[in-house]
N, C-alpha and C. Protein backbone atom coordinates (compact mmCIF):
# COMPACT_ATOMS: atom_id res chain seq x y z
N UNK A 1 12.41 1.98 7.43
CA UNK A 1 11.95 2.45 6.15
C UNK A 1 10.88 3.51 6.39
N UNK A 2 10.95 4.60 5.62
CA UNK A 2 9.96 5.66 5.72
C UNK A 2 9.24 5.79 4.39
N UNK A 3 7.91 5.73 4.41
CA UNK A 3 7.10 5.87 3.21
C UNK A 3 5.98 6.88 3.50
N UNK A 4 5.31 7.29 2.45
CA UNK A 4 4.11 8.09 2.59
C UNK A 4 2.96 7.23 2.12
N UNK A 5 1.95 7.07 2.96
CA UNK A 5 0.76 6.30 2.57
C UNK A 5 -0.46 7.16 2.85
N UNK A 6 -1.24 7.37 1.80
CA UNK A 6 -2.42 8.23 1.87
C UNK A 6 -2.09 9.58 2.48
N UNK A 7 -1.02 10.20 1.97
CA UNK A 7 -0.57 11.52 2.38
C UNK A 7 -0.12 11.60 3.84
N UNK A 8 0.20 10.47 4.43
CA UNK A 8 0.67 10.44 5.82
C UNK A 8 2.02 9.74 5.86
N UNK A 9 2.99 10.37 6.49
CA UNK A 9 4.31 9.77 6.60
C UNK A 9 4.27 8.65 7.63
N UNK A 10 4.79 7.48 7.25
CA UNK A 10 4.78 6.30 8.12
C UNK A 10 6.19 5.73 8.18
N UNK A 11 6.63 5.38 9.37
CA UNK A 11 7.93 4.73 9.54
C UNK A 11 7.69 3.27 9.92
N UNK A 12 8.25 2.39 9.12
CA UNK A 12 8.15 0.95 9.36
C UNK A 12 9.54 0.47 9.76
N UNK A 13 9.81 0.45 11.06
CA UNK A 13 11.16 0.15 11.57
C UNK A 13 11.64 -1.25 11.24
N UNK A 14 10.74 -2.21 11.14
CA UNK A 14 11.15 -3.61 10.98
C UNK A 14 11.36 -4.02 9.53
N UNK A 15 11.28 -3.09 8.58
CA UNK A 15 11.34 -3.46 7.16
C UNK A 15 12.31 -2.58 6.39
N UNK A 16 13.02 -3.20 5.44
CA UNK A 16 13.77 -2.44 4.44
C UNK A 16 12.94 -2.33 3.17
N UNK A 17 12.20 -3.40 2.86
CA UNK A 17 11.18 -3.42 1.81
C UNK A 17 10.04 -4.27 2.33
N UNK A 18 8.88 -4.10 1.72
CA UNK A 18 7.71 -4.89 2.11
C UNK A 18 6.82 -5.01 0.88
N UNK A 19 6.22 -6.20 0.69
CA UNK A 19 5.33 -6.32 -0.46
C UNK A 19 3.98 -5.67 -0.13
N UNK A 20 3.20 -5.40 -1.16
CA UNK A 20 1.94 -4.69 -0.99
C UNK A 20 0.98 -5.46 -0.09
N UNK A 21 0.91 -6.77 -0.27
CA UNK A 21 0.00 -7.58 0.55
C UNK A 21 0.32 -7.43 2.03
N UNK A 22 1.59 -7.52 2.38
CA UNK A 22 2.00 -7.41 3.78
C UNK A 22 1.85 -5.98 4.30
N UNK A 23 2.06 -4.99 3.44
CA UNK A 23 1.86 -3.60 3.85
C UNK A 23 0.41 -3.34 4.22
N UNK A 24 -0.51 -3.83 3.39
CA UNK A 24 -1.93 -3.64 3.69
C UNK A 24 -2.29 -4.31 5.02
N UNK A 25 -1.72 -5.48 5.25
CA UNK A 25 -1.95 -6.19 6.50
C UNK A 25 -1.36 -5.41 7.68
N UNK A 26 -0.15 -4.93 7.52
CA UNK A 26 0.53 -4.15 8.57
C UNK A 26 -0.25 -2.88 8.92
N UNK A 27 -0.82 -2.24 7.90
CA UNK A 27 -1.56 -1.00 8.11
C UNK A 27 -3.02 -1.26 8.51
N UNK A 28 -3.39 -2.54 8.56
CA UNK A 28 -4.76 -2.97 8.90
C UNK A 28 -5.79 -2.45 7.89
N UNK A 29 -5.41 -2.43 6.63
CA UNK A 29 -6.32 -2.09 5.55
C UNK A 29 -6.92 -3.39 5.03
N UNK A 30 -8.06 -3.77 5.56
CA UNK A 30 -8.65 -5.07 5.26
C UNK A 30 -9.88 -4.99 4.37
N UNK A 31 -10.25 -3.80 3.95
CA UNK A 31 -11.42 -3.64 3.10
C UNK A 31 -11.24 -4.45 1.82
N UNK A 32 -12.23 -5.25 1.41
CA UNK A 32 -12.04 -6.15 0.27
C UNK A 32 -11.84 -5.46 -1.08
N UNK A 33 -12.41 -4.28 -1.25
CA UNK A 33 -12.27 -3.58 -2.53
C UNK A 33 -11.35 -2.38 -2.32
N UNK A 34 -10.09 -2.57 -2.65
CA UNK A 34 -9.10 -1.53 -2.45
C UNK A 34 -8.22 -1.41 -3.70
N UNK A 35 -7.87 -0.20 -4.04
CA UNK A 35 -6.99 0.07 -5.18
C UNK A 35 -5.68 0.61 -4.60
N UNK A 36 -4.56 0.09 -5.08
CA UNK A 36 -3.26 0.50 -4.57
C UNK A 36 -2.43 1.08 -5.73
N UNK A 37 -1.82 2.23 -5.44
CA UNK A 37 -0.88 2.84 -6.38
C UNK A 37 0.42 3.09 -5.63
N UNK A 38 1.53 2.86 -6.31
CA UNK A 38 2.85 3.18 -5.76
C UNK A 38 3.48 4.19 -6.70
N UNK A 39 3.78 5.36 -6.17
CA UNK A 39 4.36 6.45 -6.96
C UNK A 39 3.52 6.73 -8.22
N UNK A 40 2.20 6.63 -8.07
CA UNK A 40 1.29 6.92 -9.16
C UNK A 40 0.99 5.77 -10.09
N UNK A 41 1.68 4.64 -9.93
CA UNK A 41 1.47 3.47 -10.79
C UNK A 41 0.54 2.47 -10.12
N UNK A 42 -0.50 2.08 -10.84
CA UNK A 42 -1.47 1.11 -10.33
C UNK A 42 -0.82 -0.25 -10.13
N UNK A 43 -1.14 -0.88 -9.00
CA UNK A 43 -0.67 -2.24 -8.73
C UNK A 43 -1.89 -3.17 -8.79
N UNK A 44 -1.83 -4.14 -9.68
CA UNK A 44 -2.94 -5.09 -9.80
C UNK A 44 -2.95 -6.03 -8.60
N UNK A 45 -4.15 -6.43 -8.20
CA UNK A 45 -4.30 -7.28 -7.03
C UNK A 45 -3.49 -8.57 -7.14
N UNK A 46 -3.41 -9.13 -8.34
CA UNK A 46 -2.65 -10.37 -8.55
C UNK A 46 -1.15 -10.17 -8.33
N UNK A 47 -0.71 -8.90 -8.32
CA UNK A 47 0.71 -8.59 -8.15
C UNK A 47 1.07 -8.11 -6.74
N UNK A 48 0.13 -8.14 -5.81
CA UNK A 48 0.37 -7.64 -4.45
C UNK A 48 1.53 -8.36 -3.75
N UNK A 49 1.68 -9.65 -3.99
CA UNK A 49 2.75 -10.40 -3.32
C UNK A 49 4.12 -10.20 -3.95
N UNK A 50 4.15 -9.79 -5.21
CA UNK A 50 5.42 -9.66 -5.92
C UNK A 50 5.84 -8.21 -6.16
N UNK A 51 5.01 -7.26 -5.72
CA UNK A 51 5.34 -5.85 -5.86
C UNK A 51 5.77 -5.31 -4.50
N UNK A 52 6.94 -4.70 -4.46
CA UNK A 52 7.52 -4.26 -3.19
C UNK A 52 7.54 -2.75 -3.07
N UNK A 53 7.28 -2.29 -1.85
CA UNK A 53 7.36 -0.89 -1.49
C UNK A 53 8.73 -0.67 -0.88
N UNK A 54 9.38 0.41 -1.32
CA UNK A 54 10.73 0.71 -0.85
C UNK A 54 10.76 2.05 -0.11
N UNK A 55 11.83 2.28 0.59
CA UNK A 55 12.02 3.53 1.33
C UNK A 55 11.77 4.73 0.41
N UNK A 56 10.96 5.66 0.88
CA UNK A 56 10.69 6.88 0.14
C UNK A 56 9.51 6.81 -0.82
N UNK A 57 8.93 5.62 -1.00
CA UNK A 57 7.81 5.49 -1.93
C UNK A 57 6.56 6.21 -1.42
N UNK A 58 5.74 6.62 -2.37
CA UNK A 58 4.47 7.26 -2.07
C UNK A 58 3.37 6.27 -2.46
N UNK A 59 2.62 5.80 -1.46
CA UNK A 59 1.60 4.76 -1.67
C UNK A 59 0.22 5.37 -1.45
N UNK A 60 -0.70 5.04 -2.35
CA UNK A 60 -2.10 5.40 -2.18
C UNK A 60 -2.90 4.11 -2.06
N UNK A 61 -3.67 3.99 -0.99
CA UNK A 61 -4.55 2.82 -0.81
C UNK A 61 -5.96 3.39 -0.73
N UNK A 62 -6.71 3.18 -1.80
CA UNK A 62 -8.03 3.81 -1.95
C UNK A 62 -9.11 2.75 -1.79
N UNK A 63 -9.98 2.95 -0.83
CA UNK A 63 -11.10 2.04 -0.59
C UNK A 63 -12.23 2.40 -1.54
N UNK A 64 -12.70 1.43 -2.30
CA UNK A 64 -13.82 1.65 -3.22
C UNK A 64 -15.12 1.35 -2.49
N UNK A 65 -16.04 2.27 -2.59
CA UNK A 65 -17.35 2.10 -1.94
C UNK A 65 -18.41 2.30 -3.01
N UNK A 66 -19.35 1.38 -3.07
CA UNK A 66 -20.44 1.54 -4.03
C UNK A 66 -21.71 1.88 -3.28
N UNK A 67 -22.60 2.45 -3.97
CA UNK A 67 -23.87 2.82 -3.35
C UNK A 67 -24.87 3.19 -4.41
N UNK A 68 -26.01 3.52 -3.97
CA UNK A 68 -27.01 3.87 -4.97
C UNK A 68 -28.05 4.79 -4.46
């Protein structure tokens, strides 16, 4: 499967589809405050296990950082 994540093309040879939770784990995105969009659509954290990324999808994983 080939996807684009954060404007970088990634090939995941072992998957035909993958849910968002497992994708974040596979990509080692472990930051606790992260926003995920697939093809421009926001994915709620509660839906990470039931929302699947497919071949050709464009994924954005945005780390939220607060400061003052």
